[in-house]
Structures are given as structure tokens and as C-alpha cells.
Amino acid sequence: MYLSIKETAEYLSCSEDYVKSLIQQKKIRALFDGDDYLINKDQFSTHLKQLETYKELVEDWKSEPIPEDIDIKDED
């Protein structure tokens, strides 16, 4: 499925200017049809899956309890 620059910006939650700059930097593959750029939506699926995986890893890391320090002794 192909998206326009506006649709891609909405899909990625960023500005249209940012999407245009990514196209110019060749970080996003796009086709020019004479009027506008067409961007294949499938190229973002792997990236978005990796982001979700990293978010889950960070949440797991945050919820892990802090281990007690073996050097600290309770001398009460």
C-alpha cells in the first residue's frame, strides 16, 4: 500500500517537512509519480516492530527490582 507524504506524516506522527527531508536524505524509499511522492507503507513495519520490542525490554528493565547490595549490613 502506498501513502502520500501527508499520510506518511500522520502514520509516523511527525511533520510533512520531516518526511520530505527523510526522502531527500534517502532514509525513506519513495517513488515520484510526477505530482507527488508515493511511499510504501511496508518499509516501516520492521522498524515499528523493533520499537515495540525495545519498549517492552525497557519496561521489563524498569519493573525489575533493585537487588540489595551485599556490602550493606543492617546493624540496628
C-alpha atoms as a PDB file:
ATOM      1  CA  MET A   1       0.000   0.000   0.000  1.00  0.00           C
ATOM      2  CA  TYR A   2       1.379   3.393  -0.945  1.00  0.00           C
ATOM      3  CA  LEU A   3       0.941   6.544   1.111  1.00  0.00           C
ATOM      4  CA  SER A   4       1.310  10.214   0.250  1.00  0.00           C
ATOM      5  CA  ILE A   5       3.664  12.453   2.221  1.00  0.00           C
ATOM      6  CA  LYS A   6       0.750  13.736   4.313  1.00  0.00           C
ATOM      7  CA  GLU A   7      -0.499  10.215   5.092  1.00  0.00           C
ATOM      8  CA  THR A   8       3.035   9.085   5.932  1.00  0.00           C
ATOM      9  CA  ALA A   9       3.483  12.014   8.311  1.00  0.00           C
ATOM     10  CA  GLU A  10       0.238  11.082  10.076  1.00  0.00           C
ATOM     11  CA  TYR A  11       1.237   7.401  10.183  1.00  0.00           C
ATOM     12  CA  LEU A  12       4.643   8.206  11.701  1.00  0.00           C
ATOM     13  CA  SER A  13       3.322  11.055  13.912  1.00  0.00           C
ATOM     14  CA  CYS A  14       5.715  13.640  12.526  1.00  0.00           C
ATOM     15  CA  SER A  15       5.612  16.666  10.249  1.00  0.00           C
ATOM     16  CA  GLU A  16       5.399  16.625   6.463  1.00  0.00           C
ATOM     17  CA  ASP A  17       8.634  18.619   6.247  1.00  0.00           C
ATOM     18  CA  TYR A  18      10.412  15.933   8.253  1.00  0.00           C
ATOM     19  CA  VAL A  19       9.140  13.214   5.904  1.00  0.00           C
ATOM     20  CA  LYS A  20      10.322  15.264   2.909  1.00  0.00           C
ATOM     21  CA  SER A  21      13.759  15.658   4.460  1.00  0.00           C
ATOM     22  CA  LEU A  22      13.959  11.902   5.082  1.00  0.00           C
ATOM     23  CA  ILE A  23      13.127  11.295   1.421  1.00  0.00           C
ATOM     24  CA  GLN A  24      15.819  13.743   0.315  1.00  0.00           C
ATOM     25  CA  GLN A  25      18.338  12.068   2.623  1.00  0.00           C
ATOM     26  CA  LYS A  26      17.292   8.715   1.108  1.00  0.00           C
ATOM     27  CA  LYS A  27      16.333   7.337   4.517  1.00  0.00           C
ATOM     28  CA  ILE A  28      12.829   6.620   3.212  1.00  0.00           C
ATOM     29  CA  ARG A  29      12.327   4.974  -0.161  1.00  0.00           C
ATOM     30  CA  ALA A  30       9.772   6.812  -2.283  1.00  0.00           C
ATOM     31  CA  LEU A  31       8.508   6.902  -5.847  1.00  0.00           C
ATOM     32  CA  PHE A  32       7.813  10.168  -7.640  1.00  0.00           C
ATOM     33  CA  ASP A  33       4.732   9.880  -9.874  1.00  0.00           C
ATOM     34  CA  GLY A  34       5.073  13.327 -11.453  1.00  0.00           C
ATOM     35  CA  ASP A  35       2.916  15.149  -8.919  1.00  0.00           C
ATOM     36  CA  ASP A  36       3.761  13.753  -5.516  1.00  0.00           C
ATOM     37  CA  TYR A  37       5.900  11.152  -3.785  1.00  0.00           C
ATOM     38  CA  LEU A  38       4.432   7.744  -3.037  1.00  0.00           C
ATOM     39  CA  ILE A  39       5.844   5.896  -0.044  1.00  0.00           C
ATOM     40  CA  ASN A  40       5.455   2.173   0.526  1.00  0.00           C
ATOM     41  CA  LYS A  41       3.940   1.592   3.968  1.00  0.00           C
ATOM     42  CA  ASP A  42       5.526  -1.860   4.363  1.00  0.00           C
ATOM     43  CA  GLN A  43       9.026  -0.429   4.776  1.00  0.00           C
ATOM     44  CA  PHE A  44       8.068   0.819   8.244  1.00  0.00           C
ATOM     45  CA  SER A  45       6.701  -2.459   9.617  1.00  0.00           C
ATOM     46  CA  THR A  46      10.089  -3.871  10.702  1.00  0.00           C
ATOM     47  CA  HIS A  47      11.096  -0.582  12.291  1.00  0.00           C
ATOM     48  CA  LEU A  48       7.831  -0.297  14.225  1.00  0.00           C
ATOM     49  CA  LYS A  49       8.107  -3.929  15.406  1.00  0.00           C
ATOM     50  CA  GLN A  50      11.626  -3.240  16.692  1.00  0.00           C
ATOM     51  CA  LEU A  51      10.402  -0.133  18.526  1.00  0.00           C
ATOM     52  CA  GLU A  52       7.703  -2.167  20.252  1.00  0.00           C
ATOM     53  CA  THR A  53      10.262  -4.811  21.236  1.00  0.00           C
ATOM     54  CA  TYR A  54      12.590  -2.168  22.678  1.00  0.00           C
ATOM     55  CA  LYS A  55       9.717  -0.559  24.594  1.00  0.00           C
ATOM     56  CA  GLU A  56       8.860  -3.937  26.141  1.00  0.00           C
ATOM     57  CA  LEU A  57      12.510  -4.532  27.100  1.00  0.00           C
ATOM     58  CA  VAL A  58      12.745  -1.119  28.751  1.00  0.00           C
ATOM     59  CA  GLU A  59       9.520  -1.708  30.677  1.00  0.00           C
ATOM     60  CA  ASP A  60      10.809  -5.103  31.844  1.00  0.00           C
ATOM     61  CA  TRP A  61      14.060  -3.489  32.908  1.00  0.00           C
ATOM     62  CA  LYS A  62      12.231  -0.716  34.781  1.00  0.00           C
ATOM     63  CA  SER A  63       9.981  -3.156  36.637  1.00  0.00           C
ATOM     64  CA  GLU A  64      12.882  -5.339  37.764  1.00  0.00           C
ATOM     65  CA  PRO A  65      13.546  -4.842  41.485  1.00  0.00           C
ATOM     66  CA  ILE A  66      16.827  -3.308  42.570  1.00  0.00           C
ATOM     67  CA  PRO A  67      18.996  -6.011  44.136  1.00  0.00           C
ATOM     68  CA  GLU A  68      20.203  -5.477  47.651  1.00  0.00           C
ATOM     69  CA  ASP A  69      23.821  -4.522  47.983  1.00  0.00           C
ATOM     70  CA  ILE A  70      25.748  -7.312  49.726  1.00  0.00           C
ATOM     71  CA  ASP A  71      28.115  -4.767  51.294  1.00  0.00           C
ATOM     72  CA  ILE A  72      25.339  -3.049  53.255  1.00  0.00           C
ATOM     73  CA  LYS A  73      24.710  -4.652  56.625  1.00  0.00           C
ATOM     74  CA  ASP A  74      21.793  -3.987  58.874  1.00  0.00           C
ATOM     75  CA  GLU A  75      23.378  -3.018  62.185  1.00  0.00           C
ATOM     76  CA  ASP A  76      20.301  -1.856  64.059  1.00  0.00           C
END
